[in-house]
């Protein structure tokens, strides 16, 4: 179902022809990998899609994002897939250039599945922080790169050292389309 939602939002993103010099809303895609795998696990693949709004007159934006993390395919511990729906707020640091550093915090709900999850359907609160930079390619398209840390005290996974709370530290790149 998560992949269907991602595909539907991607179609909307591609089909959208709204061009405006004053951006109010945006769609953003993310793809990446973890930078610190859990004990005994391989690195995760990360992908996400967000819709957000720039707050008028402020260097702040808010967004709703869907994030999918998958790891453990090549380990005896079993695969873990965590899907999260997160609300977030970001502060964009004005540099008067095409580069804009940003920092943010997010929280939401996540659910996990796979052989490496402690119970068949673990779920609960997911929260984290992000920091990164965007580059304004043109007025409506930015390239992004960010570090993102997500964690949950509600989702437990099996690692080489036993049962631990799920967490993810990742580097992602993406495209933000403002409209």
C-alpha atoms as a PDB file:
ATOM      1  CA  UNK A   1       0.000   0.000   0.000  1.00  0.00           C
ATOM      2  CA  UNK A   2       2.857   2.407   0.835  1.00  0.00           C
ATOM      3  CA  UNK A   3       4.355   1.895  -2.626  1.00  0.00           C
ATOM      4  CA  UNK A   4       0.946   2.604  -4.211  1.00  0.00           C
ATOM      5  CA  UNK A   5       0.708   5.891  -2.309  1.00  0.00           C
ATOM      6  CA  UNK A   6       4.252   6.829  -3.375  1.00  0.00           C
ATOM      7  CA  UNK A   7       3.435   6.011  -7.019  1.00  0.00           C
ATOM      8  CA  UNK A   8       0.193   8.027  -6.954  1.00  0.00           C
ATOM      9  CA  UNK A   9       1.897  11.070  -5.447  1.00  0.00           C
ATOM     10  CA  UNK A  10       4.736  10.762  -7.984  1.00  0.00           C
ATOM     11  CA  UNK A  11       2.204  10.817 -10.835  1.00  0.00           C
ATOM     12  CA  UNK A  12       0.650  13.966  -9.375  1.00  0.00           C
ATOM     13  CA  UNK A  13       4.120  15.488  -9.057  1.00  0.00           C
ATOM     14  CA  UNK A  14       5.089  14.694 -12.649  1.00  0.00           C
ATOM     15  CA  UNK A  15       1.728  15.717 -14.105  1.00  0.00           C
ATOM     16  CA  UNK A  16       1.611  19.006 -12.231  1.00  0.00           C
ATOM     17  CA  UNK A  17       2.295  21.987 -14.460  1.00  0.00           C
ATOM     18  CA  UNK A  18       1.780  24.750 -11.907  1.00  0.00           C
ATOM     19  CA  UNK A  19       4.577  27.274 -12.286  1.00  0.00           C
ATOM     20  CA  UNK A  20       4.725  30.207  -9.908  1.00  0.00           C
ATOM     21  CA  UNK A  21       7.601  32.440  -8.921  1.00  0.00           C
ATOM     22  CA  UNK A  22       6.238  32.722  -5.355  1.00  0.00           C
ATOM     23  CA  UNK A  23       6.268  29.185  -3.914  1.00  0.00           C
ATOM     24  CA  UNK A  24       3.652  28.385  -1.269  1.00  0.00           C
ATOM     25  CA  UNK A  25       3.604  24.574  -1.316  1.00  0.00           C
ATOM     26  CA  UNK A  26       6.071  21.877  -2.303  1.00  0.00           C
ATOM     27  CA  UNK A  27       6.439  18.179  -3.051  1.00  0.00           C
ATOM     28  CA  UNK A  28       9.722  16.518  -2.119  1.00  0.00           C
ATOM     29  CA  UNK A  29      11.186  13.106  -2.895  1.00  0.00           C
ATOM     30  CA  UNK A  30      13.967  11.397  -0.933  1.00  0.00           C
ATOM     31  CA  UNK A  31      16.160   8.365  -1.596  1.00  0.00           C
ATOM     32  CA  UNK A  32      19.163   7.237   0.382  1.00  0.00           C
ATOM     33  CA  UNK A  33      20.802   4.750   2.685  1.00  0.00           C
ATOM     34  CA  UNK A  34      21.598   4.389   6.363  1.00  0.00           C
ATOM     35  CA  UNK A  35      24.999   5.503   7.604  1.00  0.00           C
ATOM     36  CA  UNK A  36      24.980   3.358  10.756  1.00  0.00           C
ATOM     37  CA  UNK A  37      23.340  -0.048  10.489  1.00  0.00           C
ATOM     38  CA  UNK A  38      22.007  -1.788  13.589  1.00  0.00           C
ATOM     39  CA  UNK A  39      24.251  -4.488  15.100  1.00  0.00           C
ATOM     40  CA  UNK A  40      24.278  -7.487  12.742  1.00  0.00           C
ATOM     41  CA  UNK A  41      22.217  -5.806  10.010  1.00  0.00           C
ATOM     42  CA  UNK A  42      23.063  -4.476   6.591  1.00  0.00           C
ATOM     43  CA  UNK A  43      22.410  -0.864   5.608  1.00  0.00           C
ATOM     44  CA  UNK A  44      18.816   0.145   4.931  1.00  0.00           C
ATOM     45  CA  UNK A  45      17.363   1.607   1.803  1.00  0.00           C
ATOM     46  CA  UNK A  46      15.391   4.766   2.576  1.00  0.00           C
ATOM     47  CA  UNK A  47      12.792   6.467   0.399  1.00  0.00           C
ATOM     48  CA  UNK A  48      10.219   9.093   1.135  1.00  0.00           C
ATOM     49  CA  UNK A  49       7.736  11.559  -0.248  1.00  0.00           C
ATOM     50  CA  UNK A  50       6.526  14.760   1.416  1.00  0.00           C
ATOM     51  CA  UNK A  51       4.070  17.540   0.785  1.00  0.00           C
ATOM     52  CA  UNK A  52       4.720  20.778   2.577  1.00  0.00           C
ATOM     53  CA  UNK A  53       3.900  24.459   2.954  1.00  0.00           C
ATOM     54  CA  UNK A  54       6.153  27.488   3.308  1.00  0.00           C
ATOM     55  CA  UNK A  55       4.836  29.748   6.077  1.00  0.00           C
ATOM     56  CA  UNK A  56       4.321  33.281   4.702  1.00  0.00           C
ATOM     57  CA  UNK A  57       6.958  35.799   5.759  1.00  0.00           C
ATOM     58  CA  UNK A  58       8.903  33.242   7.829  1.00  0.00           C
ATOM     59  CA  UNK A  59      11.871  30.965   7.094  1.00  0.00           C
ATOM     60  CA  UNK A  60       9.787  28.047   8.371  1.00  0.00           C
ATOM     61  CA  UNK A  61       8.047  25.264   6.491  1.00  0.00           C
ATOM     62  CA  UNK A  62       5.824  22.441   7.678  1.00  0.00           C
ATOM     63  CA  UNK A  63       5.313  19.102   5.978  1.00  0.00           C
ATOM     64  CA  UNK A  64       3.659  15.711   6.049  1.00  0.00           C
ATOM     65  CA  UNK A  65       5.984  12.923   4.925  1.00  0.00           C
ATOM     66  CA  UNK A  66       5.809   9.210   4.279  1.00  0.00           C
ATOM     67  CA  UNK A  67       9.141   7.417   4.866  1.00  0.00           C
ATOM     68  CA  UNK A  68       9.956   3.767   4.084  1.00  0.00           C
ATOM     69  CA  UNK A  69      13.062   2.017   5.491  1.00  0.00           C
ATOM     70  CA  UNK A  70      13.988  -1.571   4.618  1.00  0.00           C
ATOM     71  CA  UNK A  71      16.969  -3.542   5.959  1.00  0.00           C
ATOM     72  CA  UNK A  72      18.247  -7.008   6.691  1.00  0.00           C
ATOM     73  CA  UNK A  73      17.700  -8.646   3.310  1.00  0.00           C
ATOM     74  CA  UNK A  74      21.164 -10.222   3.317  1.00  0.00           C
ATOM     75  CA  UNK A  75      21.434 -11.174   6.994  1.00  0.00           C
ATOM     76  CA  UNK A  76      20.251 -14.203   8.979  1.00  0.00           C
ATOM     77  CA  UNK A  77      18.388 -11.849  11.366  1.00  0.00           C
ATOM     78  CA  UNK A  78      15.604 -11.301   8.821  1.00  0.00           C
ATOM     79  CA  UNK A  79      14.252  -8.287   7.004  1.00  0.00           C
ATOM     80  CA  UNK A  80      12.762  -5.295   8.812  1.00  0.00           C
ATOM     81  CA  UNK A  81      10.527  -2.815   6.996  1.00  0.00           C
ATOM     82  CA  UNK A  82       9.413   0.330   8.815  1.00  0.00           C
ATOM     83  CA  UNK A  83       6.884   2.715   7.275  1.00  0.00           C
ATOM     84  CA  UNK A  84       6.284   6.070   8.947  1.00  0.00           C
ATOM     85  CA  UNK A  85       3.874   8.949   8.485  1.00  0.00           C
ATOM     86  CA  UNK A  86       5.530  12.042   9.978  1.00  0.00           C
ATOM     87  CA  UNK A  87       4.600  15.653  10.563  1.00  0.00           C
ATOM     88  CA  UNK A  88       7.569  17.990  10.623  1.00  0.00           C
ATOM     89  CA  UNK A  89       8.729  21.580  10.899  1.00  0.00           C
ATOM     90  CA  UNK A  90      11.903  22.964   9.304  1.00  0.00           C
ATOM     91  CA  UNK A  91      13.837  26.183   9.691  1.00  0.00           C
ATOM     92  CA  UNK A  92      15.577  27.435   6.509  1.00  0.00           C
ATOM     93  CA  UNK A  93      18.713  29.534   7.154  1.00  0.00           C
ATOM     94  CA  UNK A  94      18.859  32.423   4.676  1.00  0.00           C
ATOM     95  CA  UNK A  95      22.302  32.686   3.060  1.00  0.00           C
ATOM     96  CA  UNK A  96      21.359  35.046   0.209  1.00  0.00           C
ATOM     97  CA  UNK A  97      22.634  32.407  -2.213  1.00  0.00           C
ATOM     98  CA  UNK A  98      21.316  29.355  -4.038  1.00  0.00           C
ATOM     99  CA  UNK A  99      22.357  27.214  -1.042  1.00  0.00           C
ATOM    100  CA  UNK A 100      19.957  27.062   1.927  1.00  0.00           C
ATOM    101  CA  UNK A 101      20.930  25.052   5.028  1.00  0.00           C
ATOM    102  CA  UNK A 102      17.994  23.749   7.065  1.00  0.00           C
ATOM    103  CA  UNK A 103      17.255  21.942  10.330  1.00  0.00           C
ATOM    104  CA  UNK A 104      14.052  20.263  11.418  1.00  0.00           C
ATOM    105  CA  UNK A 105      12.214  17.992  13.790  1.00  0.00           C
ATOM    106  CA  UNK A 106       9.437  15.495  13.073  1.00  0.00           C
ATOM    107  CA  UNK A 107       7.146  13.095  14.857  1.00  0.00           C
ATOM    108  CA  UNK A 108       4.455  10.689  13.780  1.00  0.00           C
ATOM    109  CA  UNK A 109       3.347   7.091  13.641  1.00  0.00           C
ATOM    110  CA  UNK A 110       5.332   4.129  12.353  1.00  0.00           C
ATOM    111  CA  UNK A 111       4.597   0.481  11.785  1.00  0.00           C
ATOM    112  CA  UNK A 112       7.041  -2.352  11.196  1.00  0.00           C
ATOM    113  CA  UNK A 113       6.866  -5.759   9.600  1.00  0.00           C
ATOM    114  CA  UNK A 114       9.300  -8.547   8.758  1.00  0.00           C
ATOM    115  CA  UNK A 115      11.093 -11.486  10.311  1.00  0.00           C
ATOM    116  CA  UNK A 116      13.423  -9.186  12.277  1.00  0.00           C
ATOM    117  CA  UNK A 117      10.581  -7.434  14.141  1.00  0.00           C
ATOM    118  CA  UNK A 118       9.886  -8.629  17.702  1.00  0.00           C
ATOM    119  CA  UNK A 119       6.149  -9.094  17.082  1.00  0.00           C
ATOM    120  CA  UNK A 120       4.298  -9.517  13.803  1.00  0.00           C
ATOM    121  CA  UNK A 121       3.020  -5.927  13.689  1.00  0.00           C
ATOM    122  CA  UNK A 122       4.995  -3.572  15.910  1.00  0.00           C
ATOM    123  CA  UNK A 123       3.869   0.054  15.718  1.00  0.00           C
ATOM    124  CA  UNK A 124       3.918   3.312  17.617  1.00  0.00           C
ATOM    125  CA  UNK A 125       5.447   6.766  17.966  1.00  0.00           C
ATOM    126  CA  UNK A 126       8.378   7.618  15.654  1.00  0.00           C
ATOM    127  CA  UNK A 127      10.310  10.866  16.056  1.00  0.00           C
ATOM    128  CA  UNK A 128      13.571  12.432  14.955  1.00  0.00           C
ATOM    129  CA  UNK A 129      15.611  15.327  13.623  1.00  0.00           C
ATOM    130  CA  UNK A 130      17.087  16.359  10.270  1.00  0.00           C
ATOM    131  CA  UNK A 131      19.755  18.723   9.001  1.00  0.00           C
ATOM    132  CA  UNK A 132      20.724  19.405   5.435  1.00  0.00           C
ATOM    133  CA  UNK A 133      21.103  21.813   2.571  1.00  0.00           C
ATOM    134  CA  UNK A 134      19.097  22.606  -0.529  1.00  0.00           C
ATOM    135  CA  UNK A 135      20.361  24.060  -3.784  1.00  0.00           C
ATOM    136  CA  UNK A 136      17.958  26.170  -5.899  1.00  0.00           C
ATOM    137  CA  UNK A 137      18.423  24.866  -9.435  1.00  0.00           C
ATOM    138  CA  UNK A 138      15.646  27.099 -10.758  1.00  0.00           C
ATOM    139  CA  UNK A 139      12.879  29.101  -9.096  1.00  0.00           C
ATOM    140  CA  UNK A 140      10.662  26.060  -8.469  1.00  0.00           C
ATOM    141  CA  UNK A 141      13.147  23.150  -8.214  1.00  0.00           C
ATOM    142  CA  UNK A 142      15.655  22.530  -5.411  1.00  0.00           C
ATOM    143  CA  UNK A 143      18.061  19.635  -5.007  1.00  0.00           C
ATOM    144  CA  UNK A 144      18.349  18.499  -1.386  1.00  0.00           C
ATOM    145  CA  UNK A 145      20.797  16.490   0.706  1.00  0.00           C
ATOM    146  CA  UNK A 146      20.139  15.717   4.351  1.00  0.00           C
ATOM    147  CA  UNK A 147      21.041  13.677   7.391  1.00  0.00           C
ATOM    148  CA  UNK A 148      17.994  12.231   9.151  1.00  0.00           C
ATOM    149  CA  UNK A 149      17.784  10.406  12.472  1.00  0.00           C
ATOM    150  CA  UNK A 150      14.567   8.570  13.352  1.00  0.00           C
ATOM    151  CA  UNK A 151      13.892   6.431  16.410  1.00  0.00           C
ATOM    152  CA  UNK A 152      11.041   4.683  18.186  1.00  0.00           C
ATOM    153  CA  UNK A 153      10.705   3.305  21.687  1.00  0.00           C
ATOM    154  CA  UNK A 154       7.609   1.412  20.507  1.00  0.00           C
ATOM    155  CA  UNK A 155       9.127  -0.679  17.696  1.00  0.00           C
ATOM    156  CA  UNK A 156      11.553  -3.428  18.762  1.00  0.00           C
ATOM    157  CA  UNK A 157      13.825  -5.293  16.319  1.00  0.00           C
ATOM    158  CA  UNK A 158      16.105  -8.280  16.702  1.00  0.00           C
ATOM    159  CA  UNK A 159      19.806  -7.453  16.342  1.00  0.00           C
ATOM    160  CA  UNK A 160      22.957  -9.503  16.895  1.00  0.00           C
ATOM    161  CA  UNK A 161      23.001  -8.258  20.511  1.00  0.00           C
ATOM    162  CA  UNK A 162      19.329  -9.064  21.160  1.00  0.00           C
ATOM    163  CA  UNK A 163      16.155  -6.998  21.145  1.00  0.00           C
ATOM    164  CA  UNK A 164      16.584  -3.234  20.703  1.00  0.00           C
ATOM    165  CA  UNK A 165      14.463  -0.177  19.905  1.00  0.00           C
ATOM    166  CA  UNK A 166      14.399   0.565  16.182  1.00  0.00           C
ATOM    167  CA  UNK A 167      16.359   3.556  14.950  1.00  0.00           C
ATOM    168  CA  UNK A 168      17.638   4.823  11.629  1.00  0.00           C
ATOM    169  CA  UNK A 169      20.402   7.262  10.772  1.00  0.00           C
ATOM    170  CA  UNK A 170      20.447   8.039   7.085  1.00  0.00           C
ATOM    171  CA  UNK A 171      21.770  10.277   4.350  1.00  0.00           C
ATOM    172  CA  UNK A 172      19.274  11.095   1.604  1.00  0.00           C
ATOM    173  CA  UNK A 173      19.205  13.147  -1.568  1.00  0.00           C
ATOM    174  CA  UNK A 174      16.103  14.465  -3.225  1.00  0.00           C
ATOM    175  CA  UNK A 175      14.245  16.971  -5.326  1.00  0.00           C
ATOM    176  CA  UNK A 176      11.854  19.600  -3.965  1.00  0.00           C
ATOM    177  CA  UNK A 177       9.299  21.057  -6.388  1.00  0.00           C
ATOM    178  CA  UNK A 178       7.664  24.307  -5.266  1.00  0.00           C
ATOM    179  CA  UNK A 179       4.305  25.466  -6.542  1.00  0.00           C
END
